[in-house]
C-alpha atoms as a PDB file:
ATOM      1  CA  UNK A   1       0.000   0.000   0.000  1.00  0.00           C
ATOM      2  CA  UNK A   2       1.387   3.410  -0.980  1.00  0.00           C
ATOM      3  CA  UNK A   3       1.651   6.329   1.435  1.00  0.00           C
ATOM      4  CA  UNK A   4      -1.209   8.022  -0.433  1.00  0.00           C
ATOM      5  CA  UNK A   5      -3.426   4.943  -0.084  1.00  0.00           C
ATOM      6  CA  UNK A   6      -2.715   4.819   3.650  1.00  0.00           C
ATOM      7  CA  UNK A   7      -3.364   8.539   4.060  1.00  0.00           C
ATOM      8  CA  UNK A   8      -6.633   8.760   2.155  1.00  0.00           C
ATOM      9  CA  UNK A   9      -8.316   5.382   2.536  1.00  0.00           C
ATOM     10  CA  UNK A  10     -11.460   5.955   4.609  1.00  0.00           C
ATOM     11  CA  UNK A  11     -10.648   9.647   5.087  1.00  0.00           C
ATOM     12  CA  UNK A  12     -13.331  12.318   4.976  1.00  0.00           C
ATOM     13  CA  UNK A  13     -12.233  14.877   2.360  1.00  0.00           C
ATOM     14  CA  UNK A  14     -13.861  18.068   1.128  1.00  0.00           C
ATOM     15  CA  UNK A  15     -12.833  19.804  -2.111  1.00  0.00           C
ATOM     16  CA  UNK A  16     -14.112  23.240  -3.136  1.00  0.00           C
ATOM     17  CA  UNK A  17     -14.124  24.013  -6.827  1.00  0.00           C
ATOM     18  CA  UNK A  18     -14.430  20.266  -7.249  1.00  0.00           C
ATOM     19  CA  UNK A  19     -16.667  20.206 -10.329  1.00  0.00           C
ATOM     20  CA  UNK A  20     -13.995  20.936 -12.932  1.00  0.00           C
ATOM     21  CA  UNK A  21     -10.292  21.257 -13.662  1.00  0.00           C
ATOM     22  CA  UNK A  22      -7.821  20.535 -10.885  1.00  0.00           C
ATOM     23  CA  UNK A  23     -10.605  20.240  -8.326  1.00  0.00           C
ATOM     24  CA  UNK A  24     -12.359  17.506 -10.266  1.00  0.00           C
ATOM     25  CA  UNK A  25      -9.117  15.593 -10.807  1.00  0.00           C
ATOM     26  CA  UNK A  26      -8.385  15.784  -7.071  1.00  0.00           C
ATOM     27  CA  UNK A  27     -11.863  14.456  -6.264  1.00  0.00           C
ATOM     28  CA  UNK A  28     -11.544  11.565  -8.689  1.00  0.00           C
ATOM     29  CA  UNK A  29      -8.095  10.622  -7.414  1.00  0.00           C
ATOM     30  CA  UNK A  30      -9.138  10.916  -3.763  1.00  0.00           C
ATOM     31  CA  UNK A  31     -12.111   8.622  -4.392  1.00  0.00           C
ATOM     32  CA  UNK A  32      -9.880   6.127  -6.210  1.00  0.00           C
ATOM     33  CA  UNK A  33      -7.643   6.079  -3.116  1.00  0.00           C
ATOM     34  CA  UNK A  34     -10.637   5.243  -0.928  1.00  0.00           C
ATOM     35  CA  UNK A  35     -11.572   8.634   0.479  1.00  0.00           C
ATOM     36  CA  UNK A  36     -15.130   9.767   1.198  1.00  0.00           C
ATOM     37  CA  UNK A  37     -15.283  12.847  -1.009  1.00  0.00           C
ATOM     38  CA  UNK A  38     -17.581  15.854  -0.822  1.00  0.00           C
ATOM     39  CA  UNK A  39     -17.490  17.808  -4.088  1.00  0.00           C
ATOM     40  CA  UNK A  40     -18.252  21.449  -3.354  1.00  0.00           C
ATOM     41  CA  UNK A  41     -18.885  23.926  -6.140  1.00  0.00           C
ATOM     42  CA  UNK A  42     -20.973  26.897  -7.192  1.00  0.00           C
ATOM     43  CA  UNK A  43     -21.971  24.781 -10.224  1.00  0.00           C
ATOM     44  CA  UNK A  44     -24.371  22.459  -8.394  1.00  0.00           C
ATOM     45  CA  UNK A  45     -25.494  20.353 -11.367  1.00  0.00           C
ATOM     46  CA  UNK A  46     -21.954  19.785 -12.624  1.00  0.00           C
ATOM     47  CA  UNK A  47     -20.773  18.867  -9.123  1.00  0.00           C
ATOM     48  CA  UNK A  48     -23.489  16.232  -8.892  1.00  0.00           C
ATOM     49  CA  UNK A  49     -22.547  14.865 -12.318  1.00  0.00           C
ATOM     50  CA  UNK A  50     -18.970  14.401 -11.112  1.00  0.00           C
ATOM     51  CA  UNK A  51     -20.179  12.793  -7.874  1.00  0.00           C
ATOM     52  CA  UNK A  52     -22.470  10.441  -9.790  1.00  0.00           C
ATOM     53  CA  UNK A  53     -19.629   9.405 -12.109  1.00  0.00           C
ATOM     54  CA  UNK A  54     -17.413   8.652  -9.106  1.00  0.00           C
ATOM     55  CA  UNK A  55     -20.156   6.584  -7.473  1.00  0.00           C
ATOM     56  CA  UNK A  56     -20.728   4.705 -10.734  1.00  0.00           C
ATOM     57  CA  UNK A  57     -17.048   3.735 -10.755  1.00  0.00           C
ATOM     58  CA  UNK A  58     -17.257   2.408  -7.203  1.00  0.00           C
ATOM     59  CA  UNK A  59     -16.156   5.475  -5.250  1.00  0.00           C
ATOM     60  CA  UNK A  60     -17.878   7.347  -2.441  1.00  0.00           C
ATOM     61  CA  UNK A  61     -18.808  10.923  -3.373  1.00  0.00           C
ATOM     62  CA  UNK A  62     -21.425  13.536  -2.566  1.00  0.00           C
ATOM     63  CA  UNK A  63     -21.988  16.997  -3.947  1.00  0.00           C
ATOM     64  CA  UNK A  64     -22.815  20.296  -2.276  1.00  0.00           C
ATOM     65  CA  UNK A  65     -23.488  23.743  -3.719  1.00  0.00           C
ATOM     66  CA  UNK A  66     -21.612  26.636  -2.112  1.00  0.00           C
ATOM     67  CA  UNK A  67     -20.600  30.222  -2.740  1.00  0.00           C
ATOM     68  CA  UNK A  68     -17.287  30.412  -0.865  1.00  0.00           C
ATOM     69  CA  UNK A  69     -17.574  34.190  -0.499  1.00  0.00           C
ATOM     70  CA  UNK A  70     -20.405  33.530   2.015  1.00  0.00           C
ATOM     71  CA  UNK A  71     -18.695  32.655   5.317  1.00  0.00           C
ATOM     72  CA  UNK A  72     -21.835  31.623   7.213  1.00  0.00           C
ATOM     73  CA  UNK A  73     -22.736  29.143   4.475  1.00  0.00           C
ATOM     74  CA  UNK A  74     -19.147  27.897   4.300  1.00  0.00           C
ATOM     75  CA  UNK A  75     -18.928  27.297   8.043  1.00  0.00           C
ATOM     76  CA  UNK A  76     -22.277  25.495   8.055  1.00  0.00           C
ATOM     77  CA  UNK A  77     -21.292  23.239   5.157  1.00  0.00           C
ATOM     78  CA  UNK A  78     -17.922  22.279   6.648  1.00  0.00           C
ATOM     79  CA  UNK A  79     -19.633  21.362   9.921  1.00  0.00           C
ATOM     80  CA  UNK A  80     -22.189  19.211   8.094  1.00  0.00           C
ATOM     81  CA  UNK A  81     -19.467  17.437   6.122  1.00  0.00           C
ATOM     82  CA  UNK A  82     -17.570  16.716   9.353  1.00  0.00           C
ATOM     83  CA  UNK A  83     -20.714  15.217  10.888  1.00  0.00           C
ATOM     84  CA  UNK A  84     -20.631  12.495   8.241  1.00  0.00           C
ATOM     85  CA  UNK A  85     -17.818  10.645  10.028  1.00  0.00           C
ATOM     86  CA  UNK A  86     -17.402  12.753  13.141  1.00  0.00           C
ATOM     87  CA  UNK A  87     -14.321  14.462  11.731  1.00  0.00           C
ATOM     88  CA  UNK A  88     -12.934  16.361   8.754  1.00  0.00           C
ATOM     89  CA  UNK A  89      -9.625  14.863   7.684  1.00  0.00           C
ATOM     90  CA  UNK A  90      -8.803  16.924   4.588  1.00  0.00           C
ATOM     91  CA  UNK A  91     -10.055  20.318   3.453  1.00  0.00           C
ATOM     92  CA  UNK A  92      -8.936  21.256  -0.048  1.00  0.00           C
ATOM     93  CA  UNK A  93      -9.760  24.950  -0.422  1.00  0.00           C
ATOM     94  CA  UNK A  94      -9.317  24.884  -4.166  1.00  0.00           C
ATOM     95  CA  UNK A  95     -12.029  27.132  -5.621  1.00  0.00           C
ATOM     96  CA  UNK A  96     -10.762  30.220  -7.393  1.00  0.00           C
ATOM     97  CA  UNK A  97     -10.920  32.383 -10.487  1.00  0.00           C
ATOM     98  CA  UNK A  98      -8.288  33.645 -12.927  1.00  0.00           C
ATOM     99  CA  UNK A  99      -7.904  36.864 -14.869  1.00  0.00           C
ATOM    100  CA  UNK A 100      -5.312  37.786 -17.468  1.00  0.00           C
ATOM    101  CA  UNK A 101      -4.415  41.223 -18.775  1.00  0.00           C
ATOM    102  CA  UNK A 102      -2.118  44.159 -18.133  1.00  0.00           C
ATOM    103  CA  UNK A 103      -2.598  45.639 -14.661  1.00  0.00           C
ATOM    104  CA  UNK A 104      -3.746  49.031 -15.957  1.00  0.00           C
ATOM    105  CA  UNK A 105      -6.693  47.330 -17.678  1.00  0.00           C
ATOM    106  CA  UNK A 106      -8.084  45.856 -14.454  1.00  0.00           C
ATOM    107  CA  UNK A 107     -11.044  47.692 -13.015  1.00  0.00           C
ATOM    108  CA  UNK A 108     -11.452  48.001  -9.264  1.00  0.00           C
ATOM    109  CA  UNK A 109     -14.337  45.541  -9.636  1.00  0.00           C
ATOM    110  CA  UNK A 110     -11.936  43.020 -11.208  1.00  0.00           C
ATOM    111  CA  UNK A 111      -9.489  43.424  -8.320  1.00  0.00           C
ATOM    112  CA  UNK A 112     -12.233  43.059  -5.744  1.00  0.00           C
ATOM    113  CA  UNK A 113     -13.679  39.992  -7.418  1.00  0.00           C
ATOM    114  CA  UNK A 114     -10.285  38.254  -7.411  1.00  0.00           C
ATOM    115  CA  UNK A 115      -9.734  39.166  -3.769  1.00  0.00           C
ATOM    116  CA  UNK A 116     -13.244  38.085  -2.756  1.00  0.00           C
ATOM    117  CA  UNK A 117     -13.079  34.658  -4.410  1.00  0.00           C
ATOM    118  CA  UNK A 118      -9.404  33.697  -4.333  1.00  0.00           C
ATOM    119  CA  UNK A 119      -8.275  35.200  -1.052  1.00  0.00           C
ATOM    120  CA  UNK A 120     -11.371  35.791   1.042  1.00  0.00           C
ATOM    121  CA  UNK A 121     -12.906  32.494  -0.144  1.00  0.00           C
ATOM    122  CA  UNK A 122      -9.741  30.646   0.876  1.00  0.00           C
ATOM    123  CA  UNK A 123      -9.740  32.406   4.241  1.00  0.00           C
ATOM    124  CA  UNK A 124     -13.355  31.334   4.766  1.00  0.00           C
ATOM    125  CA  UNK A 125     -12.564  27.697   4.024  1.00  0.00           C
ATOM    126  CA  UNK A 126      -9.421  27.787   6.141  1.00  0.00           C
ATOM    127  CA  UNK A 127     -11.189  29.299   9.141  1.00  0.00           C
ATOM    128  CA  UNK A 128     -14.113  26.881   8.912  1.00  0.00           C
ATOM    129  CA  UNK A 129     -11.835  23.838   8.652  1.00  0.00           C
ATOM    130  CA  UNK A 130      -9.278  25.011  11.205  1.00  0.00           C
ATOM    131  CA  UNK A 131     -11.819  25.384  13.992  1.00  0.00           C
ATOM    132  CA  UNK A 132     -13.047  21.836  13.455  1.00  0.00           C
ATOM    133  CA  UNK A 133      -9.547  20.408  13.204  1.00  0.00           C
ATOM    134  CA  UNK A 134      -8.325  22.114  16.378  1.00  0.00           C
ATOM    135  CA  UNK A 135     -11.178  20.438  18.279  1.00  0.00           C
ATOM    136  CA  UNK A 136     -10.375  17.007  16.828  1.00  0.00           C
ATOM    137  CA  UNK A 137      -6.588  17.630  17.147  1.00  0.00           C
ATOM    138  CA  UNK A 138      -5.946  16.408  13.621  1.00  0.00           C
ATOM    139  CA  UNK A 139      -6.555  17.216   9.978  1.00  0.00           C
ATOM    140  CA  UNK A 140      -4.897  18.720   6.938  1.00  0.00           C
ATOM    141  CA  UNK A 141      -5.794  21.997   5.207  1.00  0.00           C
ATOM    142  CA  UNK A 142      -4.598  22.269   1.601  1.00  0.00           C
ATOM    143  CA  UNK A 143      -5.074  25.663  -0.028  1.00  0.00           C
ATOM    144  CA  UNK A 144      -4.641  26.007  -3.769  1.00  0.00           C
ATOM    145  CA  UNK A 145      -2.338  28.878  -4.634  1.00  0.00           C
ATOM    146  CA  UNK A 146      -0.205  28.794  -7.787  1.00  0.00           C
ATOM    147  CA  UNK A 147       3.345  29.047  -9.038  1.00  0.00           C
ATOM    148  CA  UNK A 148       2.139  32.625  -9.615  1.00  0.00           C
ATOM    149  CA  UNK A 149       2.071  32.837  -5.813  1.00  0.00           C
ATOM    150  CA  UNK A 150       5.768  32.010  -5.638  1.00  0.00           C
ATOM    151  CA  UNK A 151       7.274  33.794  -8.640  1.00  0.00           C
ATOM    152  CA  UNK A 152       6.611  36.856 -10.858  1.00  0.00           C
ATOM    153  CA  UNK A 153       3.629  36.506 -13.191  1.00  0.00           C
ATOM    154  CA  UNK A 154       3.410  39.590 -15.435  1.00  0.00           C
ATOM    155  CA  UNK A 155       0.133  39.738 -17.297  1.00  0.00           C
ATOM    156  CA  UNK A 156      -1.650  38.248 -14.282  1.00  0.00           C
ATOM    157  CA  UNK A 157      -0.599  40.727 -11.605  1.00  0.00           C
ATOM    158  CA  UNK A 158      -3.886  40.863  -9.694  1.00  0.00           C
ATOM    159  CA  UNK A 159      -4.243  37.072  -9.759  1.00  0.00           C
ATOM    160  CA  UNK A 160      -0.632  36.700  -8.579  1.00  0.00           C
ATOM    161  CA  UNK A 161      -1.268  39.084  -5.684  1.00  0.00           C
ATOM    162  CA  UNK A 162      -4.057  36.859  -4.333  1.00  0.00           C
ATOM    163  CA  UNK A 163      -1.983  33.710  -4.763  1.00  0.00           C
ATOM    164  CA  UNK A 164       1.074  35.183  -3.019  1.00  0.00           C
ATOM    165  CA  UNK A 165      -1.245  36.014  -0.111  1.00  0.00           C
ATOM    166  CA  UNK A 166      -2.477  32.410   0.034  1.00  0.00           C
ATOM    167  CA  UNK A 167       1.089  31.084   0.161  1.00  0.00           C
ATOM    168  CA  UNK A 168       1.843  33.479   3.021  1.00  0.00           C
ATOM    169  CA  UNK A 169      -1.278  32.328   4.844  1.00  0.00           C
ATOM    170  CA  UNK A 170      -0.315  28.664   4.493  1.00  0.00           C
ATOM    171  CA  UNK A 171       3.316  29.010   5.535  1.00  0.00           C
ATOM    172  CA  UNK A 172       2.498  31.076   8.605  1.00  0.00           C
ATOM    173  CA  UNK A 173      -0.487  28.983   9.685  1.00  0.00           C
ATOM    174  CA  UNK A 174       1.490  25.759   9.216  1.00  0.00           C
ATOM    175  CA  UNK A 175       3.789  26.808  12.045  1.00  0.00           C
ATOM    176  CA  UNK A 176       0.932  27.843  14.332  1.00  0.00           C
ATOM    177  CA  UNK A 177      -1.234  24.805  13.570  1.00  0.00           C
ATOM    178  CA  UNK A 178       1.433  22.196  14.329  1.00  0.00           C
ATOM    179  CA  UNK A 179       0.852  22.525  18.086  1.00  0.00           C
ATOM    180  CA  UNK A 180      -2.787  21.522  17.515  1.00  0.00           C
ATOM    181  CA  UNK A 181      -1.878  18.482  15.407  1.00  0.00           C
ATOM    182  CA  UNK A 182      -3.158  20.210  12.258  1.00  0.00           C
ATOM    183  CA  UNK A 183      -1.161  20.271   9.007  1.00  0.00           C
ATOM    184  CA  UNK A 184      -1.293  23.012   6.378  1.00  0.00           C
ATOM    185  CA  UNK A 185       0.040  22.940   2.810  1.00  0.00           C
ATOM    186  CA  UNK A 186       0.057  25.309  -0.149  1.00  0.00           C
ATOM    187  CA  UNK A 187      -0.734  23.625  -3.464  1.00  0.00           C
ATOM    188  CA  UNK A 188       0.982  25.559  -6.254  1.00  0.00           C
ATOM    189  CA  UNK A 189       0.135  24.336  -9.767  1.00  0.00           C
ATOM    190  CA  UNK A 190       2.174  25.502 -12.706  1.00  0.00           C
ATOM    191  CA  UNK A 191       0.765  25.099 -16.212  1.00  0.00           C
ATOM    192  CA  UNK A 192      -1.795  22.262 -16.039  1.00  0.00           C
ATOM    193  CA  UNK A 193      -4.301  21.164 -18.685  1.00  0.00           C
ATOM    194  CA  UNK A 194      -7.612  22.625 -17.475  1.00  0.00           C
ATOM    195  CA  UNK A 195     -10.434  24.703 -19.041  1.00  0.00           C
ATOM    196  CA  UNK A 196      -8.240  27.739 -18.384  1.00  0.00           C
ATOM    197  CA  UNK A 197      -6.147  26.805 -21.413  1.00  0.00           C
ATOM    198  CA  UNK A 198      -9.146  27.324 -23.677  1.00  0.00           C
ATOM    199  CA  UNK A 199      -9.567  30.915 -22.592  1.00  0.00           C
ATOM    200  CA  UNK A 200     -10.252  30.938 -18.875  1.00  0.00           C
ATOM    201  CA  UNK A 201     -13.055  28.424 -18.383  1.00  0.00           C
ATOM    202  CA  UNK A 202     -16.400  29.515 -16.949  1.00  0.00           C
ATOM    203  CA  UNK A 203     -14.812  31.490 -14.106  1.00  0.00           C
ATOM    204  CA  UNK A 204     -11.811  32.905 -15.945  1.00  0.00           C
ATOM    205  CA  UNK A 205     -11.455  36.195 -17.742  1.00  0.00           C
ATOM    206  CA  UNK A 206      -9.100  37.542 -20.396  1.00  0.00           C
ATOM    207  CA  UNK A 207      -9.307  41.325 -20.484  1.00  0.00           C
ATOM    208  CA  UNK A 208      -7.870  41.663 -23.993  1.00  0.00           C
ATOM    209  CA  UNK A 209      -9.535  40.225 -27.079  1.00  0.00           C
ATOM    210  CA  UNK A 210      -7.474  37.145 -27.896  1.00  0.00           C
ATOM    211  CA  UNK A 211      -8.402  34.452 -30.406  1.00  0.00           C
ATOM    212  CA  UNK A 212      -8.929  31.087 -28.654  1.00  0.00           C
ATOM    213  CA  UNK A 213      -6.460  29.397 -31.026  1.00  0.00           C
ATOM    214  CA  UNK A 214      -3.745  31.902 -30.155  1.00  0.00           C
ATOM    215  CA  UNK A 215      -4.447  31.379 -26.468  1.00  0.00           C
ATOM    216  CA  UNK A 216      -4.052  27.623 -26.926  1.00  0.00           C
ATOM    217  CA  UNK A 217      -0.780  28.199 -28.769  1.00  0.00           C
ATOM    218  CA  UNK A 218       0.519  30.269 -25.889  1.00  0.00           C
ATOM    219  CA  UNK A 219      -0.248  27.591 -23.324  1.00  0.00           C
ATOM    220  CA  UNK A 220       0.994  24.765 -25.540  1.00  0.00           C
ATOM    221  CA  UNK A 221       4.438  26.329 -25.794  1.00  0.00           C
ATOM    222  CA  UNK A 222       4.578  26.128 -21.986  1.00  0.00           C
ATOM    223  CA  UNK A 223       4.099  22.324 -22.038  1.00  0.00           C
ATOM    224  CA  UNK A 224       1.092  21.864 -19.736  1.00  0.00           C
ATOM    225  CA  UNK A 225       0.908  18.847 -17.454  1.00  0.00           C
ATOM    226  CA  UNK A 226      -2.105  16.493 -17.790  1.00  0.00           C
ATOM    227  CA  UNK A 227      -4.476  17.269 -14.950  1.00  0.00           C
ATOM    228  CA  UNK A 228      -4.772  13.644 -13.795  1.00  0.00           C
ATOM    229  CA  UNK A 229      -0.987  13.344 -13.508  1.00  0.00           C
ATOM    230  CA  UNK A 230      -0.940  16.581 -11.536  1.00  0.00           C
ATOM    231  CA  UNK A 231      -3.578  15.309  -9.103  1.00  0.00           C
ATOM    232  CA  UNK A 232      -1.713  12.053  -8.534  1.00  0.00           C
ATOM    233  CA  UNK A 233       1.603  13.747  -7.790  1.00  0.00           C
ATOM    234  CA  UNK A 234       0.000  16.476  -5.723  1.00  0.00           C
ATOM    235  CA  UNK A 235      -1.819  13.986  -3.502  1.00  0.00           C
ATOM    236  CA  UNK A 236       1.345  11.948  -3.062  1.00  0.00           C
ATOM    237  CA  UNK A 237       2.957  15.109  -1.698  1.00  0.00           C
ATOM    238  CA  UNK A 238      -0.047  15.870   0.506  1.00  0.00           C
ATOM    239  CA  UNK A 239       0.304  12.387   1.991  1.00  0.00           C
ATOM    240  CA  UNK A 240       3.963  13.209   2.717  1.00  0.00           C
ATOM    241  CA  UNK A 241       2.874  16.485   4.363  1.00  0.00           C
ATOM    242  CA  UNK A 242       4.933  18.721   2.071  1.00  0.00           C
ATOM    243  CA  UNK A 243       4.560  22.394   3.058  1.00  0.00           C
ATOM    244  CA  UNK A 244       4.630  23.761  -0.515  1.00  0.00           C
ATOM    245  CA  UNK A 245       3.614  21.470  -3.372  1.00  0.00           C
ATOM    246  CA  UNK A 246       4.662  22.463  -6.886  1.00  0.00           C
ATOM    247  CA  UNK A 247       4.052  20.572 -10.131  1.00  0.00           C
ATOM    248  CA  UNK A 248       4.916  20.231 -12.992  1.00  0.00           C
ATOM    249  CA  UNK A 249       8.698  20.212 -12.783  1.00  0.00           C
ATOM    250  CA  UNK A 250       9.006  23.381 -14.862  1.00  0.00           C
ATOM    251  CA  UNK A 251       7.173  25.246 -12.111  1.00  0.00           C
ATOM    252  CA  UNK A 252       9.550  23.824  -9.509  1.00  0.00           C
ATOM    253  CA  UNK A 253      12.514  24.948 -11.566  1.00  0.00           C
ATOM    254  CA  UNK A 254      11.176  28.491 -11.902  1.00  0.00           C
ATOM    255  CA  UNK A 255      10.504  28.626  -8.135  1.00  0.00           C
ATOM    256  CA  UNK A 256      13.999  27.376  -7.283  1.00  0.00           C
ATOM    257  CA  UNK A 257      15.459  29.964  -9.642  1.00  0.00           C
ATOM    258  CA  UNK A 258      13.516  32.747  -7.972  1.00  0.00           C
ATOM    259  CA  UNK A 259      14.920  31.732  -4.591  1.00  0.00           C
ATOM    260  CA  UNK A 260      18.490  31.426  -5.858  1.00  0.00           C
ATOM    261  CA  UNK A 261      18.566  34.525  -8.069  1.00  0.00           C
ATOM    262  CA  UNK A 262      15.514  36.811  -7.940  1.00  0.00           C
ATOM    263  CA  UNK A 263      17.008  39.172 -10.524  1.00  0.00           C
ATOM    264  CA  UNK A 264      17.555  36.340 -13.013  1.00  0.00           C
ATOM    265  CA  UNK A 265      14.002  35.101 -12.441  1.00  0.00           C
ATOM    266  CA  UNK A 266      12.657  38.594 -13.119  1.00  0.00           C
ATOM    267  CA  UNK A 267      14.535  38.729 -16.418  1.00  0.00           C
ATOM    268  CA  UNK A 268      13.233  35.316 -17.446  1.00  0.00           C
ATOM    269  CA  UNK A 269       9.696  36.313 -16.465  1.00  0.00           C
ATOM    270  CA  UNK A 270      10.059  39.414 -18.645  1.00  0.00           C
ATOM    271  CA  UNK A 271      11.262  37.371 -21.614  1.00  0.00           C
ATOM    272  CA  UNK A 272       8.450  34.846 -21.189  1.00  0.00           C
ATOM    273  CA  UNK A 273       5.895  37.636 -20.922  1.00  0.00           C
ATOM    274  CA  UNK A 274       7.149  39.333 -24.092  1.00  0.00           C
ATOM    275  CA  UNK A 275       7.166  36.003 -25.926  1.00  0.00           C
ATOM    276  CA  UNK A 276       3.625  35.206 -24.844  1.00  0.00           C
ATOM    277  CA  UNK A 277       2.412  38.658 -25.843  1.00  0.00           C
ATOM    278  CA  UNK A 278       3.891  38.070 -29.297  1.00  0.00           C
ATOM    279  CA  UNK A 279       2.170  34.674 -29.625  1.00  0.00           C
ATOM    280  CA  UNK A 280      -1.280  36.029 -28.758  1.00  0.00           C
ATOM    281  CA  UNK A 281      -0.797  39.119 -30.902  1.00  0.00           C
ATOM    282  CA  UNK A 282      -0.622  41.771 -28.180  1.00  0.00           C
ATOM    283  CA  UNK A 283       3.008  42.796 -28.534  1.00  0.00           C
END
């Protein structure tokens, strides 16, 4: 039995943003490892479709509708999920949105929406889970940030700001939470094959007018990782209690470079940004 199988078999796991993309892949992999999965998403019908597919394949999954910007609803849902087994073992606060465009093009409404969903939504899920886990003296909170929360991400400045904040939350809380027996990790995907690559998905936004084919070309040149492979490797690292989890390897390399030579990383980020702008026709 692998470390992931031992960690997740019979565990009660909750995943926000679980109806699509990375969230869905995490739910499917968790169920395959024997976890009892609650798929939480604003898209109620899609979440139930994913849950039904997992059940049809022999897994244990339920779906719940939630707007993570509503703390009262979030706290109530997390408590109800914990009641299922008397505990909440894993809380994957994964729901988020993405916006791309030069910073000057972002309206204050765009900034606030990113902060409300990505940061405040993650804070809501963290607070709701942390209170339960302190009482049970165990549990693991995994908050989805991004490589954009570890390194420069020109063209996605507002998004990067929220993701840097999530990384800071996770690293600081990890130290505090250890005395309660609670673990905390930051999940930092690099380029992964999700609906975002087709232009942002339902909850993404590209501020400039970019042809979908050019957007796909931009992401393809960055060699995206299949989402199922990402979920498998990410959960292996969760089982090992890694503090910061980064996949694919290209994202790890960029992160290491930023730590070793921030000035070199800034230059590479600039070159990548200029190259991407040329590909999508915005140079």
